[in-house]
Each structure stands twice: as structure tokens, then as C-alpha cells.
Amino acid sequence: YVSVTLVAAAAGAASLFVAAPVVLAGAGFTSAGIAAGSYAAGMMSSAAVANGGAVAAGSLVAVLQSAGAAGLSGAAGAAVAGVGAVAGWVASAMV
């Protein structure tokens, strides 16, 4: 016997883990760098203006570009899957 909540949490974890690279690339965080004219380019421009022309290491833009270029690290993958699991669990509890 497997509860619906457990199945929903697992499905949410798997879905978000698989979708994360697609979403990053769609936003413009690619393996070749930030795509011109993309949402990511706008974020990078705003970050650079706020920092006097540079994007700070460790900033959201830097972290997302790193994930877009190299993929999710083990810790980031686990965090994304955890968020997906919670979302799946919450969704199943609302039904």
C-alpha cells in the first residue's frame, strides 16, 4: 500500500528535477553563456548596474548561470527535488 501523498511527493520531486534544466535554458541560462535578449540577459544587466558594472560572485544571476552551464550540482539537485516533493505533497493535500 502506497499513499497518494507519497506518490504525489515523488512525482513532484522527479518533475521539478527534470524540468529545472529546461526552465534554466528557456530563461536564457545556457551552456554557452547568457543568451542575448533573454530574461537572463535582463537579470544580468540589472545586477551589473546595481554592482557598478560587475555581476557579484554568488549572486542569483551567477548561481543560475553556473547551473545553466554545468547542470545542477548534487546539492542543488537535491534542493530542487525537495521543493518539488513539498509541492507535490501540498497539491495532494489540497485535493
N, C-alpha and C. Protein backbone atom coordinates (compact mmCIF):
# COMPACT_ATOMS: atom_id res chain seq x y z
N TYR A 1 0.85 -1.18 0.00
CA TYR A 1 0.00 0.00 0.00
C TYR A 1 0.89 1.24 0.00
N VAL A 2 0.70 2.07 -0.99
CA VAL A 2 1.44 3.32 -1.09
C VAL A 2 0.43 4.46 -1.07
N SER A 3 0.66 5.40 -0.19
CA SER A 3 -0.30 6.50 -0.08
C SER A 3 -0.22 7.43 -1.29
N VAL A 4 -1.34 8.06 -1.57
CA VAL A 4 -1.41 9.02 -2.67
C VAL A 4 -0.46 10.18 -2.40
N THR A 5 -0.33 10.56 -1.15
CA THR A 5 0.55 11.67 -0.78
C THR A 5 2.00 11.35 -1.11
N LEU A 6 2.42 10.13 -0.83
CA LEU A 6 3.80 9.73 -1.12
C LEU A 6 4.05 9.72 -2.63
N VAL A 7 3.10 9.19 -3.38
CA VAL A 7 3.24 9.17 -4.84
C VAL A 7 3.29 10.59 -5.40
N ALA A 8 2.43 11.47 -4.88
CA ALA A 8 2.42 12.86 -5.35
C ALA A 8 3.74 13.56 -5.02
N ALA A 9 4.28 13.30 -3.83
CA ALA A 9 5.56 13.91 -3.46
C ALA A 9 6.68 13.42 -4.37
N ALA A 10 6.70 12.12 -4.66
CA ALA A 10 7.73 11.56 -5.55
C ALA A 10 7.59 12.12 -6.96
N ALA A 11 6.36 12.23 -7.43
CA ALA A 11 6.13 12.77 -8.77
C ALA A 11 6.56 14.23 -8.84
N GLY A 12 6.26 15.00 -7.80
CA GLY A 12 6.68 16.40 -7.77
C GLY A 12 8.19 16.54 -7.76
N ALA A 13 8.86 15.70 -6.98
CA ALA A 13 10.32 15.75 -6.92
C ALA A 13 10.93 15.43 -8.28
N ALA A 14 10.46 14.36 -8.90
CA ALA A 14 11.00 13.96 -10.20
C ALA A 14 10.72 15.00 -11.27
N SER A 15 9.51 15.52 -11.26
CA SER A 15 9.12 16.50 -12.29
C SER A 15 9.97 17.76 -12.21
N LEU A 16 10.12 18.30 -11.02
CA LEU A 16 10.88 19.53 -10.88
C LEU A 16 12.36 19.31 -11.17
N PHE A 17 12.89 18.15 -10.77
CA PHE A 17 14.29 17.84 -11.03
C PHE A 17 14.56 17.78 -12.53
N VAL A 18 13.64 17.18 -13.27
CA VAL A 18 13.79 17.06 -14.73
C VAL A 18 13.55 18.40 -15.41
N ALA A 19 12.60 19.18 -14.90
CA ALA A 19 12.23 20.45 -15.54
C ALA A 19 13.24 21.56 -15.31
N ALA A 20 14.00 21.51 -14.23
CA ALA A 20 14.89 22.62 -13.88
C ALA A 20 15.86 23.00 -15.00
N PRO A 21 16.58 22.06 -15.62
CA PRO A 21 17.49 22.46 -16.71
C PRO A 21 16.75 23.07 -17.90
N VAL A 22 15.57 22.56 -18.20
CA VAL A 22 14.78 23.08 -19.32
C VAL A 22 14.35 24.51 -19.03
N VAL A 23 13.91 24.76 -17.81
CA VAL A 23 13.48 26.10 -17.41
C VAL A 23 14.66 27.07 -17.44
N LEU A 24 15.82 26.63 -16.94
CA LEU A 24 17.01 27.49 -16.97
C LEU A 24 17.37 27.88 -18.40
N ALA A 25 17.41 26.90 -19.28
CA ALA A 25 17.74 27.18 -20.69
C ALA A 25 16.70 28.08 -21.33
N GLY A 26 15.44 27.87 -21.01
CA GLY A 26 14.37 28.69 -21.55
C GLY A 26 14.45 30.14 -21.11
N ALA A 27 14.97 30.35 -19.90
CA ALA A 27 15.13 31.70 -19.38
C ALA A 27 16.38 32.38 -19.94
N GLY A 28 17.27 31.58 -20.57
CA GLY A 28 18.47 32.16 -21.17
C GLY A 28 19.77 31.80 -20.49
N PHE A 29 19.72 30.94 -19.47
CA PHE A 29 20.94 30.49 -18.79
C PHE A 29 21.37 29.21 -19.49
N THR A 30 22.27 29.34 -20.49
CA THR A 30 22.64 28.20 -21.33
C THR A 30 24.08 27.77 -21.09
N SER A 31 24.44 26.62 -21.66
CA SER A 31 25.81 26.13 -21.53
C SER A 31 26.80 27.01 -22.27
N ALA A 32 26.32 27.81 -23.23
CA ALA A 32 27.19 28.72 -23.98
C ALA A 32 27.24 30.12 -23.36
N GLY A 33 26.56 30.31 -22.25
CA GLY A 33 26.51 31.62 -21.60
C GLY A 33 25.10 32.17 -21.62
N ILE A 34 24.95 33.39 -21.17
CA ILE A 34 23.63 34.01 -21.13
C ILE A 34 23.23 34.42 -22.54
N ALA A 35 22.03 33.99 -22.94
CA ALA A 35 21.53 34.26 -24.29
C ALA A 35 21.13 35.73 -24.43
N ALA A 36 21.57 36.34 -25.50
CA ALA A 36 21.25 37.75 -25.77
C ALA A 36 19.74 37.93 -25.89
N GLY A 37 19.24 39.01 -25.30
CA GLY A 37 17.82 39.35 -25.38
C GLY A 37 16.91 38.52 -24.51
N SER A 38 17.46 37.64 -23.70
CA SER A 38 16.66 36.75 -22.86
C SER A 38 16.34 37.39 -21.51
N TYR A 39 15.49 36.70 -20.77
CA TYR A 39 15.19 37.11 -19.39
C TYR A 39 16.48 37.14 -18.57
N ALA A 40 17.34 36.14 -18.79
CA ALA A 40 18.62 36.07 -18.08
C ALA A 40 19.49 37.30 -18.38
N ALA A 41 19.46 37.74 -19.64
CA ALA A 41 20.24 38.93 -20.01
C ALA A 41 19.74 40.17 -19.27
N GLY A 42 18.43 40.28 -19.12
CA GLY A 42 17.87 41.38 -18.36
C GLY A 42 18.27 41.33 -16.90
N MET A 43 18.26 40.13 -16.33
CA MET A 43 18.69 39.96 -14.94
C MET A 43 20.16 40.34 -14.79
N MET A 44 20.98 39.90 -15.74
CA MET A 44 22.41 40.20 -15.68
C MET A 44 22.66 41.70 -15.79
N SER A 45 21.94 42.35 -16.68
CA SER A 45 22.08 43.79 -16.84
C SER A 45 21.72 44.53 -15.56
N SER A 46 20.61 44.14 -14.94
CA SER A 46 20.19 44.77 -13.69
C SER A 46 21.21 44.55 -12.58
N ALA A 47 21.73 43.32 -12.50
CA ALA A 47 22.73 43.01 -11.48
C ALA A 47 23.99 43.82 -11.69
N ALA A 48 24.40 43.97 -12.95
CA ALA A 48 25.61 44.73 -13.25
C ALA A 48 25.44 46.20 -12.92
N VAL A 49 24.28 46.76 -13.24
CA VAL A 49 24.02 48.17 -12.92
C VAL A 49 24.05 48.37 -11.41
N ALA A 50 23.44 47.45 -10.68
CA ALA A 50 23.40 47.57 -9.21
C ALA A 50 24.77 47.42 -8.57
N ASN A 51 25.69 46.72 -9.25
CA ASN A 51 27.03 46.47 -8.69
C ASN A 51 28.12 47.28 -9.37
N GLY A 52 27.78 48.34 -10.03
CA GLY A 52 28.80 49.18 -10.65
C GLY A 52 29.46 48.54 -11.86
N GLY A 53 28.75 47.69 -12.58
CA GLY A 53 29.28 47.12 -13.82
C GLY A 53 29.67 45.66 -13.75
N ALA A 54 29.63 45.05 -12.59
CA ALA A 54 30.02 43.65 -12.47
C ALA A 54 28.87 42.84 -11.87
N VAL A 55 28.86 41.56 -12.14
CA VAL A 55 27.92 40.64 -11.51
C VAL A 55 28.67 39.97 -10.38
N ALA A 56 28.16 40.12 -9.17
CA ALA A 56 28.84 39.60 -8.00
C ALA A 56 28.85 38.08 -7.98
N ALA A 57 30.00 37.52 -7.63
CA ALA A 57 30.09 36.06 -7.46
C ALA A 57 29.13 35.64 -6.35
N GLY A 58 28.43 34.55 -6.57
CA GLY A 58 27.49 34.06 -5.57
C GLY A 58 26.11 34.69 -5.65
N SER A 59 25.94 35.67 -6.55
CA SER A 59 24.64 36.30 -6.70
C SER A 59 23.68 35.33 -7.40
N LEU A 60 22.40 35.64 -7.39
CA LEU A 60 21.41 34.78 -8.03
C LEU A 60 21.74 34.57 -9.51
N VAL A 61 22.12 35.64 -10.19
CA VAL A 61 22.46 35.52 -11.62
C VAL A 61 23.65 34.59 -11.80
N ALA A 62 24.66 34.74 -10.98
CA ALA A 62 25.86 33.90 -11.09
C ALA A 62 25.54 32.43 -10.81
N VAL A 63 24.73 32.17 -9.80
CA VAL A 63 24.37 30.80 -9.45
C VAL A 63 23.53 30.16 -10.56
N LEU A 64 22.54 30.90 -11.07
CA LEU A 64 21.71 30.36 -12.14
C LEU A 64 22.51 30.11 -13.41
N GLN A 65 23.45 31.00 -13.74
CA GLN A 65 24.27 30.79 -14.93
C GLN A 65 25.18 29.58 -14.74
N SER A 66 25.71 29.41 -13.56
CA SER A 66 26.53 28.24 -13.29
C SER A 66 25.73 26.95 -13.48
N ALA A 67 24.50 26.94 -12.97
CA ALA A 67 23.64 25.76 -13.13
C ALA A 67 23.27 25.56 -14.60
N GLY A 68 23.04 26.64 -15.32
CA GLY A 68 22.72 26.53 -16.74
C GLY A 68 23.88 26.01 -17.55
N ALA A 69 25.09 26.39 -17.17
CA ALA A 69 26.28 25.99 -17.91
C ALA A 69 26.74 24.58 -17.57
N ALA A 70 26.73 24.24 -16.30
CA ALA A 70 27.30 22.97 -15.86
C ALA A 70 26.27 21.97 -15.37
N GLY A 71 25.02 22.36 -15.29
CA GLY A 71 24.00 21.48 -14.73
C GLY A 71 23.92 21.67 -13.22
N LEU A 72 22.96 21.02 -12.64
CA LEU A 72 22.76 21.15 -11.19
C LEU A 72 23.79 20.31 -10.45
N SER A 73 24.35 20.87 -9.40
CA SER A 73 25.24 20.09 -8.54
C SER A 73 24.39 19.10 -7.76
N GLY A 74 25.01 18.20 -7.07
CA GLY A 74 24.27 17.23 -6.25
C GLY A 74 23.40 17.92 -5.22
N ALA A 75 23.96 18.92 -4.54
CA ALA A 75 23.21 19.64 -3.52
C ALA A 75 22.06 20.43 -4.13
N ALA A 76 22.32 21.08 -5.26
CA ALA A 76 21.26 21.85 -5.91
C ALA A 76 20.17 20.92 -6.44
N GLY A 77 20.57 19.79 -6.99
CA GLY A 77 19.59 18.81 -7.46
C GLY A 77 18.72 18.30 -6.33
N ALA A 78 19.34 18.04 -5.19
CA ALA A 78 18.58 17.59 -4.03
C ALA A 78 17.63 18.67 -3.54
N ALA A 79 18.08 19.92 -3.56
CA ALA A 79 17.22 21.02 -3.12
C ALA A 79 16.03 21.19 -4.06
N VAL A 80 16.28 21.11 -5.36
CA VAL A 80 15.19 21.23 -6.35
C VAL A 80 14.21 20.08 -6.18
N ALA A 81 14.72 18.87 -6.01
CA ALA A 81 13.84 17.72 -5.82
C ALA A 81 13.04 17.86 -4.53
N GLY A 82 13.66 18.39 -3.48
CA GLY A 82 12.96 18.61 -2.22
C GLY A 82 11.82 19.59 -2.36
N VAL A 83 12.05 20.67 -3.08
CA VAL A 83 10.99 21.65 -3.33
C VAL A 83 9.86 21.01 -4.12
N GLY A 84 10.21 20.21 -5.12
CA GLY A 84 9.20 19.51 -5.89
C GLY A 84 8.39 18.53 -5.06
N ALA A 85 9.07 17.84 -4.15
CA ALA A 85 8.38 16.90 -3.27
C ALA A 85 7.39 17.62 -2.37
N VAL A 86 7.80 18.75 -1.81
CA VAL A 86 6.89 19.53 -0.96
C VAL A 86 5.71 20.03 -1.78
N ALA A 87 5.96 20.51 -3.00
CA ALA A 87 4.88 20.98 -3.85
C ALA A 87 3.91 19.85 -4.18
N GLY A 88 4.43 18.67 -4.47
CA GLY A 88 3.57 17.52 -4.74
C GLY A 88 2.74 17.13 -3.53
N TRP A 89 3.36 17.15 -2.35
CA TRP A 89 2.66 16.82 -1.11
C TRP A 89 1.56 17.83 -0.83
N VAL A 90 1.86 19.12 -0.98
CA VAL A 90 0.85 20.16 -0.75
C VAL A 90 -0.30 20.02 -1.74
N ALA A 91 0.04 19.76 -3.00
CA ALA A 91 -1.01 19.60 -4.02
C ALA A 91 -1.91 18.41 -3.68
N SER A 92 -1.33 17.31 -3.23
CA SER A 92 -2.15 16.15 -2.89
C SER A 92 -3.02 16.40 -1.67
N ALA A 93 -2.53 17.21 -0.75
CA ALA A 93 -3.29 17.52 0.46
C ALA A 93 -4.47 18.43 0.15
N MET A 94 -4.37 19.20 -0.94
CA MET A 94 -5.44 20.12 -1.30
C MET A 94 -6.57 19.45 -2.06
N VAL A 95 -6.30 18.24 -2.57
CA VAL A 95 -7.32 17.53 -3.38
C VAL A 95 -8.27 16.78 -2.51
